[in-house]
């Protein structure tokens, strides 16, 4: 199922994700449990065409590339925004803002739902 408004991807993030998915069908965004002090982490990794699950929801990134989301994670990711930011000292990173988080660890790498 195509997600149109459930997950927002900024233009800067879309360009970054397209580069990261080069040569793959796209990227999969998952929530990995049992990780970090918050108990969960976002995991983003390339997915080959033969690894795409037909049950996955997705957001089109451009061309053929997609951001795939497992249906069991969708409720926790509903309403999130993904941005690509550069801070004042030049560090670049994906910035995930998710209204479903109930907490985030001090370093920002793990989250609680």
PDB file of N, CA and C in Angstrom:
ATOM      1  N   UNK A   1       0.851  -1.168   0.000  1.00  0.00           N
ATOM      2  CA  UNK A   1       0.000   0.000   0.000  1.00  0.00           C
ATOM      3  C   UNK A   1       0.897   1.230   0.000  1.00  0.00           C
ATOM      4  N   UNK A   2       0.592   2.166  -0.820  1.00  0.00           N
ATOM      5  CA  UNK A   2       1.367   3.401  -0.877  1.00  0.00           C
ATOM      6  C   UNK A   2       0.906   4.348   0.227  1.00  0.00           C
ATOM      7  N   UNK A   3       1.871   4.871   0.976  1.00  0.00           N
ATOM      8  CA  UNK A   3       1.594   5.856   2.014  1.00  0.00           C
ATOM      9  C   UNK A   3       1.736   7.231   1.399  1.00  0.00           C
ATOM     10  N   UNK A   4       0.726   8.035   1.466  1.00  0.00           N
ATOM     11  CA  UNK A   4       0.855   9.355   0.862  1.00  0.00           C
ATOM     12  C   UNK A   4       1.095  10.442   1.897  1.00  0.00           C
ATOM     13  N   UNK A   5       0.398  10.422   3.000  1.00  0.00           N
ATOM     14  CA  UNK A   5       0.539  11.496   3.978  1.00  0.00           C
ATOM     15  C   UNK A   5       0.939  10.998   5.359  1.00  0.00           C
ATOM     16  N   UNK A   6       1.069   9.712   5.532  1.00  0.00           N
ATOM     17  CA  UNK A   6       1.364   9.168   6.856  1.00  0.00           C
ATOM     18  C   UNK A   6       2.793   9.433   7.305  1.00  0.00           C
ATOM     19  N   UNK A   7       3.730   9.476   6.348  1.00  0.00           N
ATOM     20  CA  UNK A   7       5.134   9.761   6.634  1.00  0.00           C
ATOM     21  C   UNK A   7       5.573  10.891   5.704  1.00  0.00           C
ATOM     22  N   UNK A   8       6.146  11.939   6.278  1.00  0.00           N
ATOM     23  CA  UNK A   8       6.609  13.073   5.489  1.00  0.00           C
ATOM     24  C   UNK A   8       8.121  12.982   5.333  1.00  0.00           C
ATOM     25  N   UNK A   9       8.577  13.148   4.108  1.00  0.00           N
ATOM     26  CA  UNK A   9      10.015  13.149   3.820  1.00  0.00           C
ATOM     27  C   UNK A   9      10.333  14.483   3.157  1.00  0.00           C
ATOM     28  N   UNK A  10      11.232  15.256   3.776  1.00  0.00           N
ATOM     29  CA  UNK A  10      11.602  16.548   3.200  1.00  0.00           C
ATOM     30  C   UNK A  10      12.406  16.331   1.923  1.00  0.00           C
ATOM     31  N   UNK A  11      12.532  17.374   1.125  1.00  0.00           N
ATOM     32  CA  UNK A  11      13.305  17.284  -0.109  1.00  0.00           C
ATOM     33  C   UNK A  11      14.763  16.918   0.158  1.00  0.00           C
ATOM     34  N   UNK A  12      15.343  17.484   1.219  1.00  0.00           N
ATOM     35  CA  UNK A  12      16.739  17.176   1.566  1.00  0.00           C
ATOM     36  C   UNK A  12      16.889  15.711   1.954  1.00  0.00           C
ATOM     37  N   UNK A  13      15.942  15.190   2.732  1.00  0.00           N
ATOM     38  CA  UNK A  13      15.992  13.779   3.127  1.00  0.00           C
ATOM     39  C   UNK A  13      15.764  12.874   1.924  1.00  0.00           C
ATOM     40  N   UNK A  14      14.844  13.255   1.064  1.00  0.00           N
ATOM     41  CA  UNK A  14      14.553  12.455  -0.131  1.00  0.00           C
ATOM     42  C   UNK A  14      15.817  12.317  -0.998  1.00  0.00           C
ATOM     43  N   UNK A  15      16.545  13.417  -1.208  1.00  0.00           N
ATOM     44  CA  UNK A  15      17.775  13.370  -2.002  1.00  0.00           C
ATOM     45  C   UNK A  15      18.806  12.454  -1.342  1.00  0.00           C
ATOM     46  N   UNK A  16      18.947  12.546  -0.028  1.00  0.00           N
ATOM     47  CA  UNK A  16      19.895  11.699   0.700  1.00  0.00           C
ATOM     48  C   UNK A  16      19.485  10.226   0.609  1.00  0.00           C
ATOM     49  N   UNK A  17      18.203   9.938   0.811  1.00  0.00           N
ATOM     50  CA  UNK A  17      17.723   8.556   0.769  1.00  0.00           C
ATOM     51  C   UNK A  17      17.853   7.966  -0.629  1.00  0.00           C
ATOM     52  N   UNK A  18      17.646   8.768  -1.646  1.00  0.00           N
ATOM     53  CA  UNK A  18      17.834   8.276  -3.021  1.00  0.00           C
ATOM     54  C   UNK A  18      19.280   7.858  -3.263  1.00  0.00           C
ATOM     55  N   UNK A  19      20.230   8.658  -2.778  1.00  0.00           N
ATOM     56  CA  UNK A  19      21.645   8.288  -2.906  1.00  0.00           C
ATOM     57  C   UNK A  19      21.938   7.004  -2.140  1.00  0.00           C
ATOM     58  N   UNK A  20      21.382   6.884  -0.942  1.00  0.00           N
ATOM     59  CA  UNK A  20      21.631   5.712  -0.102  1.00  0.00           C
ATOM     60  C   UNK A  20      21.010   4.443  -0.673  1.00  0.00           C
ATOM     61  N   UNK A  21      19.978   4.589  -1.495  1.00  0.00           N
ATOM     62  CA  UNK A  21      19.302   3.417  -2.047  1.00  0.00           C
ATOM     63  C   UNK A  21      19.812   3.037  -3.432  1.00  0.00           C
ATOM     64  N   UNK A  22      20.833   3.744  -3.926  1.00  0.00           N
ATOM     65  CA  UNK A  22      21.343   3.489  -5.274  1.00  0.00           C
ATOM     66  C   UNK A  22      21.675   2.012  -5.456  1.00  0.00           C
ATOM     67  N   UNK A  23      21.145   1.414  -6.509  1.00  0.00           N
ATOM     68  CA  UNK A  23      21.406   0.012  -6.810  1.00  0.00           C
ATOM     69  C   UNK A  23      20.472  -0.947  -6.092  1.00  0.00           C
ATOM     70  N   UNK A  24      19.570  -0.438  -5.281  1.00  0.00           N
ATOM     71  CA  UNK A  24      18.622  -1.287  -4.549  1.00  0.00           C
ATOM     72  C   UNK A  24      17.205  -0.893  -4.947  1.00  0.00           C
ATOM     73  N   UNK A  25      16.235  -1.700  -4.558  1.00  0.00           N
ATOM     74  CA  UNK A  25      14.826  -1.370  -4.815  1.00  0.00           C
ATOM     75  C   UNK A  25      14.391  -0.202  -3.943  1.00  0.00           C
ATOM     76  N   UNK A  26      15.128  -0.008  -2.865  1.00  0.00           N
ATOM     77  CA  UNK A  26      14.820   1.077  -1.943  1.00  0.00           C
ATOM     78  C   UNK A  26      15.446   0.824  -0.594  1.00  0.00           C
ATOM     79  N   UNK A  27      14.865   1.427   0.415  1.00  0.00           N
ATOM     80  CA  UNK A  27      15.340   1.289   1.782  1.00  0.00           C
ATOM     81  C   UNK A  27      14.187   0.801   2.653  1.00  0.00           C
ATOM     82  N   UNK A  28      14.511   0.031   3.687  1.00  0.00           N
ATOM     83  CA  UNK A  28      13.491  -0.404   4.636  1.00  0.00           C
ATOM     84  C   UNK A  28      13.717   0.325   5.952  1.00  0.00           C
ATOM     85  N   UNK A  29      12.663   0.936   6.468  1.00  0.00           N
ATOM     86  CA  UNK A  29      12.682   1.585   7.774  1.00  0.00           C
ATOM     87  C   UNK A  29      11.952   0.677   8.743  1.00  0.00           C
ATOM     88  N   UNK A  30      12.659   0.246   9.789  1.00  0.00           N
ATOM     89  CA  UNK A  30      12.086  -0.647  10.787  1.00  0.00           C
ATOM     90  C   UNK A  30      12.367  -0.118  12.182  1.00  0.00           C
ATOM     91  N   UNK A  31      11.616  -0.607  13.120  1.00  0.00           N
ATOM     92  CA  UNK A  31      11.888  -0.350  14.531  1.00  0.00           C
ATOM     93  C   UNK A  31      12.466  -1.638  15.100  1.00  0.00           C
ATOM     94  N   UNK A  32      13.681  -1.546  15.618  1.00  0.00           N
ATOM     95  CA  UNK A  32      14.347  -2.695  16.229  1.00  0.00           C
ATOM     96  C   UNK A  32      14.193  -2.591  17.737  1.00  0.00           C
ATOM     97  N   UNK A  33      13.569  -3.573  18.343  1.00  0.00           N
ATOM     98  CA  UNK A  33      13.374  -3.587  19.780  1.00  0.00           C
ATOM     99  C   UNK A  33      14.601  -4.120  20.501  1.00  0.00           C
ATOM    100  N   UNK A  34      14.685  -3.823  21.797  1.00  0.00           N
ATOM    101  CA  UNK A  34      15.792  -4.296  22.615  1.00  0.00           C
ATOM    102  C   UNK A  34      17.090  -3.586  22.329  1.00  0.00           C
ATOM    103  N   UNK A  35      17.010  -2.376  21.828  1.00  0.00           N
ATOM    104  CA  UNK A  35      18.215  -1.636  21.449  1.00  0.00           C
ATOM    105  C   UNK A  35      18.328  -0.350  22.261  1.00  0.00           C
ATOM    106  N   UNK A  36      19.527  -0.037  22.686  1.00  0.00           N
ATOM    107  CA  UNK A  36      19.807   1.228  23.351  1.00  0.00           C
ATOM    108  C   UNK A  36      19.070   1.394  24.669  1.00  0.00           C
ATOM    109  N   UNK A  37      19.337   2.493  25.322  1.00  0.00           N
ATOM    110  CA  UNK A  37      18.734   2.741  26.633  1.00  0.00           C
ATOM    111  C   UNK A  37      17.247   3.063  26.538  1.00  0.00           C
ATOM    112  N   UNK A  38      16.770   3.493  25.344  1.00  0.00           N
ATOM    113  CA  UNK A  38      15.350   3.762  25.146  1.00  0.00           C
ATOM    114  C   UNK A  38      14.554   2.511  24.823  1.00  0.00           C
ATOM    115  N   UNK A  39      15.251   1.437  24.464  1.00  0.00           N
ATOM    116  CA  UNK A  39      14.582   0.171  24.182  1.00  0.00           C
ATOM    117  C   UNK A  39      14.288  -0.097  22.717  1.00  0.00           C
ATOM    118  N   UNK A  40      14.331   0.919  21.870  1.00  0.00           N
ATOM    119  CA  UNK A  40      14.061   0.756  20.443  1.00  0.00           C
ATOM    120  C   UNK A  40      14.967   1.682  19.643  1.00  0.00           C
ATOM    121  N   UNK A  41      15.291   1.246  18.436  1.00  0.00           N
ATOM    122  CA  UNK A  41      16.052   2.103  17.525  1.00  0.00           C
ATOM    123  C   UNK A  41      15.432   2.038  16.145  1.00  0.00           C
ATOM    124  N   UNK A  42      15.568   3.124  15.401  1.00  0.00           N
ATOM    125  CA  UNK A  42      15.176   3.119  14.004  1.00  0.00           C
ATOM    126  C   UNK A  42      16.300   2.458  13.219  1.00  0.00           C
ATOM    127  N   UNK A  43      15.947   1.564  12.319  1.00  0.00           N
ATOM    128  CA  UNK A  43      16.927   0.882  11.474  1.00  0.00           C
ATOM    129  C   UNK A  43      16.558   1.154  10.021  1.00  0.00           C
ATOM    130  N   UNK A  44      17.508   1.646   9.266  1.00  0.00           N
ATOM    131  CA  UNK A  44      17.293   1.985   7.866  1.00  0.00           C
ATOM    132  C   UNK A  44      18.368   1.277   7.063  1.00  0.00           C
ATOM    133  N   UNK A  45      17.954   0.398   6.138  1.00  0.00           N
ATOM    134  CA  UNK A  45      18.935  -0.347   5.356  1.00  0.00           C
ATOM    135  C   UNK A  45      18.412  -0.612   3.940  1.00  0.00           C
ATOM    136  N   UNK A  46      19.347  -0.796   2.978  1.00  0.00           N
ATOM    137  CA  UNK A  46      18.953  -1.065   1.593  1.00  0.00           C
ATOM    138  C   UNK A  46      18.217  -2.399   1.467  1.00  0.00           C
ATOM    139  N   UNK A  47      17.309  -2.451   0.492  1.00  0.00           N
ATOM    140  CA  UNK A  47      16.522  -3.651   0.230  1.00  0.00           C
ATOM    141  C   UNK A  47      16.627  -3.982  -1.256  1.00  0.00           C
ATOM    142  N   UNK A  48      17.038  -5.208  -1.561  1.00  0.00           N
ATOM    143  CA  UNK A  48      17.074  -5.668  -2.952  1.00  0.00           C
ATOM    144  C   UNK A  48      15.650  -6.004  -3.398  1.00  0.00           C
ATOM    145  N   UNK A  49      15.439  -6.014  -4.698  1.00  0.00           N
ATOM    146  CA  UNK A  49      14.097  -6.272  -5.238  1.00  0.00           C
ATOM    147  C   UNK A  49      13.522  -7.592  -4.741  1.00  0.00           C
ATOM    148  N   UNK A  50      14.360  -8.624  -4.593  1.00  0.00           N
ATOM    149  CA  UNK A  50      13.850  -9.926  -4.139  1.00  0.00           C
ATOM    150  C   UNK A  50      13.597  -9.979  -2.631  1.00  0.00           C
ATOM    151  N   UNK A  51      13.924  -8.907  -1.906  1.00  0.00           N
ATOM    152  CA  UNK A  51      13.678  -8.839  -0.461  1.00  0.00           C
ATOM    153  C   UNK A  51      12.439  -8.013  -0.118  1.00  0.00           C
ATOM    154  N   UNK A  52      11.791  -7.460  -1.131  1.00  0.00           N
ATOM    155  CA  UNK A  52      10.599  -6.644  -0.887  1.00  0.00           C
ATOM    156  C   UNK A  52       9.445  -7.558  -0.491  1.00  0.00           C
ATOM    157  N   UNK A  53       8.810  -7.227   0.614  1.00  0.00           N
ATOM    158  CA  UNK A  53       7.650  -7.974   1.081  1.00  0.00           C
ATOM    159  C   UNK A  53       6.404  -7.308   0.503  1.00  0.00           C
ATOM    160  N   UNK A  54       5.556  -8.068  -0.195  1.00  0.00           N
ATOM    161  CA  UNK A  54       4.364  -7.453  -0.788  1.00  0.00           C
ATOM    162  C   UNK A  54       3.402  -6.866   0.255  1.00  0.00           C
ATOM    163  N   UNK A  55       3.570  -7.216   1.513  1.00  0.00           N
ATOM    164  CA  UNK A  55       2.747  -6.674   2.589  1.00  0.00           C
ATOM    165  C   UNK A  55       3.245  -5.314   3.079  1.00  0.00           C
ATOM    166  N   UNK A  56       4.452  -4.936   2.661  1.00  0.00           N
ATOM    167  CA  UNK A  56       5.030  -3.669   3.103  1.00  0.00           C
ATOM    168  C   UNK A  56       4.248  -2.474   2.566  1.00  0.00           C
ATOM    169  N   UNK A  57       4.170  -1.445   3.373  1.00  0.00           N
ATOM    170  CA  UNK A  57       3.707  -0.146   2.925  1.00  0.00           C
ATOM    171  C   UNK A  57       4.945   0.591   2.414  1.00  0.00           C
ATOM    172  N   UNK A  58       4.759   1.669   1.657  1.00  0.00           N
ATOM    173  CA  UNK A  58       5.930   2.376   1.139  1.00  0.00           C
ATOM    174  C   UNK A  58       5.615   3.829   0.825  1.00  0.00           C
ATOM    175  N   UNK A  59       6.696   4.589   0.753  1.00  0.00           N
ATOM    176  CA  UNK A  59       6.658   5.969   0.288  1.00  0.00           C
ATOM    177  C   UNK A  59       7.588   6.030  -0.913  1.00  0.00           C
ATOM    178  N   UNK A  60       7.136   6.601  -2.008  1.00  0.00           N
ATOM    179  CA  UNK A  60       7.983   6.718  -3.195  1.00  0.00           C
ATOM    180  C   UNK A  60       9.043   7.787  -2.962  1.00  0.00           C
ATOM    181  N   UNK A  61      10.289   7.438  -3.271  1.00  0.00           N
ATOM    182  CA  UNK A  61      11.393   8.383  -3.117  1.00  0.00           C
ATOM    183  C   UNK A  61      11.687   9.105  -4.417  1.00  0.00           C
ATOM    184  N   UNK A  62      11.421   8.458  -5.519  1.00  0.00           N
ATOM    185  CA  UNK A  62      11.707   9.007  -6.838  1.00  0.00           C
ATOM    186  C   UNK A  62      12.188   7.894  -7.736  1.00  0.00           C
ATOM    187  N   UNK A  63      11.874   7.981  -9.008  1.00  0.00           N
ATOM    188  CA  UNK A  63      12.228   6.890  -9.912  1.00  0.00           C
ATOM    189  C   UNK A  63      11.542   5.625  -9.443  1.00  0.00           C
ATOM    190  N   UNK A  64      12.293   4.563  -9.348  1.00  0.00           N
ATOM    191  CA  UNK A  64      11.748   3.288  -8.876  1.00  0.00           C
ATOM    192  C   UNK A  64      11.961   3.080  -7.379  1.00  0.00           C
ATOM    193  N   UNK A  65      12.776   3.910  -6.749  1.00  0.00           N
ATOM    194  CA  UNK A  65      13.153   3.710  -5.341  1.00  0.00           C
ATOM    195  C   UNK A  65      11.998   4.040  -4.400  1.00  0.00           C
ATOM    196  N   UNK A  66      11.923   3.231  -3.327  1.00  0.00           N
ATOM    197  CA  UNK A  66      10.872   3.409  -2.332  1.00  0.00           C
ATOM    198  C   UNK A  66      11.457   3.289  -0.925  1.00  0.00           C
ATOM    199  N   UNK A  67      10.771   3.901   0.020  1.00  0.00           N
ATOM    200  CA  UNK A  67      11.063   3.694   1.436  1.00  0.00           C
ATOM    201  C   UNK A  67      10.005   2.719   1.932  1.00  0.00           C
ATOM    202  N   UNK A  68      10.418   1.487   2.238  1.00  0.00           N
ATOM    203  CA  UNK A  68       9.496   0.443   2.657  1.00  0.00           C
ATOM    204  C   UNK A  68       9.344   0.446   4.177  1.00  0.00           C
ATOM    205  N   UNK A  69       8.117   0.219   4.633  1.00  0.00           N
ATOM    206  CA  UNK A  69       7.806   0.165   6.059  1.00  0.00           C
ATOM    207  C   UNK A  69       6.984  -1.091   6.300  1.00  0.00           C
ATOM    208  N   UNK A  70       7.445  -1.935   7.217  1.00  0.00           N
ATOM    209  CA  UNK A  70       6.680  -3.137   7.567  1.00  0.00           C
ATOM    210  C   UNK A  70       5.354  -2.710   8.191  1.00  0.00           C
ATOM    211  N   UNK A  71       4.285  -3.390   7.806  1.00  0.00           N
ATOM    212  CA  UNK A  71       2.955  -2.999   8.279  1.00  0.00           C
ATOM    213  C   UNK A  71       2.842  -3.044   9.802  1.00  0.00           C
ATOM    214  N   UNK A  72       3.593  -3.948  10.463  1.00  0.00           N
ATOM    215  CA  UNK A  72       3.508  -4.022  11.932  1.00  0.00           C
ATOM    216  C   UNK A  72       4.178  -2.827  12.619  1.00  0.00           C
ATOM    217  N   UNK A  73       5.011  -2.073  11.906  1.00  0.00           N
ATOM    218  CA  UNK A  73       5.640  -0.875  12.474  1.00  0.00           C
ATOM    219  C   UNK A  73       4.889   0.407  12.121  1.00  0.00           C
ATOM    220  N   UNK A  74       3.956   0.317  11.197  1.00  0.00           N
ATOM    221  CA  UNK A  74       3.321   1.519  10.663  1.00  0.00           C
ATOM    222  C   UNK A  74       2.655   2.384  11.729  1.00  0.00           C
ATOM    223  N   UNK A  75       1.950   1.804  12.668  1.00  0.00           N
ATOM    224  CA  UNK A  75       1.257   2.611  13.677  1.00  0.00           C
ATOM    225  C   UNK A  75       2.237   3.419  14.521  1.00  0.00           C
ATOM    226  N   UNK A  76       3.427   2.884  14.759  1.00  0.00           N
ATOM    227  CA  UNK A  76       4.428   3.619  15.535  1.00  0.00           C
ATOM    228  C   UNK A  76       5.113   4.705  14.704  1.00  0.00           C
ATOM    229  N   UNK A  77       5.024   4.610  13.387  1.00  0.00           N
ATOM    230  CA  UNK A  77       5.685   5.559  12.500  1.00  0.00           C
ATOM    231  C   UNK A  77       4.709   6.564  11.881  1.00  0.00           C
ATOM    232  N   UNK A  78       3.434   6.356  12.104  1.00  0.00           N
ATOM    233  CA  UNK A  78       2.390   7.214  11.536  1.00  0.00           C
ATOM    234  C   UNK A  78       2.598   8.662  11.980  1.00  0.00           C
ATOM    235  N   UNK A  79       2.656   9.577  11.031  1.00  0.00           N
ATOM    236  CA  UNK A  79       2.787  10.998  11.342  1.00  0.00           C
ATOM    237  C   UNK A  79       4.214  11.497  11.478  1.00  0.00           C
ATOM    238  N   UNK A  80       5.199  10.637  11.268  1.00  0.00           N
ATOM    239  CA  UNK A  80       6.591  11.051  11.440  1.00  0.00           C
ATOM    240  C   UNK A  80       7.084  11.880  10.263  1.00  0.00           C
ATOM    241  N   UNK A  81       8.131  12.650  10.519  1.00  0.00           N
ATOM    242  CA  UNK A  81       8.804  13.438   9.489  1.00  0.00           C
ATOM    243  C   UNK A  81      10.278  13.046   9.482  1.00  0.00           C
ATOM    244  N   UNK A  82      10.799  12.816   8.287  1.00  0.00           N
ATOM    245  CA  UNK A  82      12.218  12.510   8.122  1.00  0.00           C
ATOM    246  C   UNK A  82      12.851  13.685   7.391  1.00  0.00           C
ATOM    247  N   UNK A  83      13.912  14.232   7.981  1.00  0.00           N
ATOM    248  CA  UNK A  83      14.621  15.363   7.389  1.00  0.00           C
ATOM    249  C   UNK A  83      16.107  15.015   7.347  1.00  0.00           C
ATOM    250  N   UNK A  84      16.867  15.718   6.540  1.00  0.00           N
ATOM    251  CA  UNK A  84      18.320  15.583   6.489  1.00  0.00           C
ATOM    252  C   UNK A  84      18.875  16.951   6.831  1.00  0.00           C
ATOM    253  N   UNK A  85      19.621  17.018   7.923  1.00  0.00           N
ATOM    254  CA  UNK A  85      20.054  18.313   8.437  1.00  0.00           C
ATOM    255  C   UNK A  85      21.573  18.380   8.567  1.00  0.00           C
ATOM    256  N   UNK A  86      22.074  19.607   8.546  1.00  0.00           N
ATOM    257  CA  UNK A  86      23.488  19.878   8.796  1.00  0.00           C
ATOM    258  C   UNK A  86      23.546  20.887   9.935  1.00  0.00           C
ATOM    259  N   UNK A  87      24.310  20.559  10.985  1.00  0.00           N
ATOM    260  CA  UNK A  87      24.380  21.478  12.123  1.00  0.00           C
ATOM    261  C   UNK A  87      25.468  22.530  11.905  1.00  0.00           C
ATOM    262  N   UNK A  88      25.660  23.381  12.891  1.00  0.00           N
ATOM    263  CA  UNK A  88      26.580  24.517  12.766  1.00  0.00           C
ATOM    264  C   UNK A  88      28.041  24.117  12.584  1.00  0.00           C
ATOM    265  N   UNK A  89      28.395  22.903  12.998  1.00  0.00           N
ATOM    266  CA  UNK A  89      29.787  22.478  12.841  1.00  0.00           C
ATOM    267  C   UNK A  89      29.976  21.560  11.626  1.00  0.00           C
ATOM    268  N   UNK A  90      28.914  21.409  10.833  1.00  0.00           N
ATOM    269  CA  UNK A  90      29.031  20.658   9.583  1.00  0.00           C
ATOM    270  C   UNK A  90      28.658  19.193   9.657  1.00  0.00           C
ATOM    271  N   UNK A  91      28.189  18.709  10.798  1.00  0.00           N
ATOM    272  CA  UNK A  91      27.750  17.316  10.893  1.00  0.00           C
ATOM    273  C   UNK A  91      26.417  17.156  10.176  1.00  0.00           C
ATOM    274  N   UNK A  92      26.305  16.106   9.377  1.00  0.00           N
ATOM    275  CA  UNK A  92      25.081  15.837   8.631  1.00  0.00           C
ATOM    276  C   UNK A  92      24.459  14.544   9.146  1.00  0.00           C
ATOM    277  N   UNK A  93      23.111  14.535   9.204  1.00  0.00           N
ATOM    278  CA  UNK A  93      22.417  13.341   9.697  1.00  0.00           C
ATOM    279  C   UNK A  93      20.952  13.376   9.311  1.00  0.00           C
ATOM    280  N   UNK A  94      20.354  12.185   9.314  1.00  0.00           N
ATOM    281  CA  UNK A  94      18.908  12.119   9.178  1.00  0.00           C
ATOM    282  C   UNK A  94      18.302  12.503  10.516  1.00  0.00           C
ATOM    283  N   UNK A  95      17.268  13.296  10.485  1.00  0.00           N
ATOM    284  CA  UNK A  95      16.568  13.718  11.691  1.00  0.00           C
ATOM    285  C   UNK A  95      15.144  13.181  11.612  1.00  0.00           C
ATOM    286  N   UNK A  96      14.817  12.279  12.518  1.00  0.00           N
ATOM    287  CA  UNK A  96      13.485  11.677  12.552  1.00  0.00           C
ATOM    288  C   UNK A  96      12.708  12.308  13.688  1.00  0.00           C
ATOM    289  N   UNK A  97      11.581  12.912  13.346  1.00  0.00           N
ATOM    290  CA  UNK A  97      10.670  13.476  14.350  1.00  0.00           C
ATOM    291  C   UNK A  97       9.389  12.651  14.314  1.00  0.00           C
ATOM    292  N   UNK A  98       9.122  11.988  15.413  1.00  0.00           N
ATOM    293  CA  UNK A  98       7.998  11.061  15.468  1.00  0.00           C
ATOM    294  C   UNK A  98       7.093  11.421  16.643  1.00  0.00           C
ATOM    295  N   UNK A  99       5.842  11.816  16.371  1.00  0.00           N
ATOM    296  CA  UNK A  99       4.938  12.201  17.453  1.00  0.00           C
ATOM    297  C   UNK A  99       4.504  11.028  18.324  1.00  0.00           C
ATOM    298  N   UNK A 100       4.814   9.806  17.921  1.00  0.00           N
ATOM    299  CA  UNK A 100       4.421   8.622  18.688  1.00  0.00           C
ATOM    300  C   UNK A 100       5.444   8.226  19.748  1.00  0.00           C
ATOM    301  N   UNK A 101       6.609   8.838  19.722  1.00  0.00           N
ATOM    302  CA  UNK A 101       7.619   8.552  20.738  1.00  0.00           C
ATOM    303  C   UNK A 101       7.145   9.098  22.081  1.00  0.00           C
ATOM    304  N   UNK A 102       7.388   8.318  23.127  1.00  0.00           N
ATOM    305  CA  UNK A 102       7.087   8.808  24.480  1.00  0.00           C
ATOM    306  C   UNK A 102       8.356   9.232  25.192  1.00  0.00           C
ATOM    307  N   UNK A 103       9.499   8.923  24.606  1.00  0.00           N
ATOM    308  CA  UNK A 103      10.776   9.322  25.179  1.00  0.00           C
ATOM    309  C   UNK A 103      11.902   9.027  24.210  1.00  0.00           C
ATOM    310  N   UNK A 104      13.049   9.656  24.493  1.00  0.00           N
ATOM    311  CA  UNK A 104      14.236   9.506  23.657  1.00  0.00           C
ATOM    312  C   UNK A 104      15.433   9.546  24.585  1.00  0.00           C
ATOM    313  N   UNK A 105      16.440   8.712  24.339  1.00  0.00           N
ATOM    314  CA  UNK A 105      17.619   8.727  25.196  1.00  0.00           C
ATOM    315  C   UNK A 105      18.402  10.022  24.980  1.00  0.00           C
ATOM    316  N   UNK A 106      19.338  10.297  25.850  1.00  0.00           N
ATOM    317  CA  UNK A 106      20.095  11.539  25.788  1.00  0.00           C
ATOM    318  C   UNK A 106      20.869  11.736  24.499  1.00  0.00           C
ATOM    319  N   UNK A 107      21.367  10.657  23.901  1.00  0.00           N
ATOM    320  CA  UNK A 107      22.137  10.809  22.660  1.00  0.00           C
ATOM    321  C   UNK A 107      21.218  10.840  21.439  1.00  0.00           C
ATOM    322  N   UNK A 108      19.945  10.521  21.620  1.00  0.00           N
ATOM    323  CA  UNK A 108      18.990  10.590  20.524  1.00  0.00           C
ATOM    324  C   UNK A 108      18.966   9.389  19.619  1.00  0.00           C
ATOM    325  N   UNK A 109      19.704   8.330  19.965  1.00  0.00           N
ATOM    326  CA  UNK A 109      19.764   7.160  19.086  1.00  0.00           C
ATOM    327  C   UNK A 109      18.686   6.126  19.372  1.00  0.00           C
ATOM    328  N   UNK A 110      18.170   6.102  20.584  1.00  0.00           N
ATOM    329  CA  UNK A 110      17.119   5.127  20.886  1.00  0.00           C
ATOM    330  C   UNK A 110      15.891   5.840  21.434  1.00  0.00           C
ATOM    331  N   UNK A 111      14.743   5.198  21.239  1.00  0.00           N
ATOM    332  CA  UNK A 111      13.464   5.817  21.564  1.00  0.00           C
ATOM    333  C   UNK A 111      12.565   4.854  22.327  1.00  0.00           C
ATOM    334  N   UNK A 112      11.547   5.428  22.942  1.00  0.00           N
ATOM    335  CA  UNK A 112      10.533   4.669  23.670  1.00  0.00           C
ATOM    336  C   UNK A 112       9.188   4.978  23.041  1.00  0.00           C
ATOM    337  N   UNK A 113       8.331   3.963  22.978  1.00  0.00           N
ATOM    338  CA  UNK A 113       6.971   4.150  22.480  1.00  0.00           C
ATOM    339  C   UNK A 113       5.982   3.799  23.574  1.00  0.00           C
TER     340      UNK A 113
END
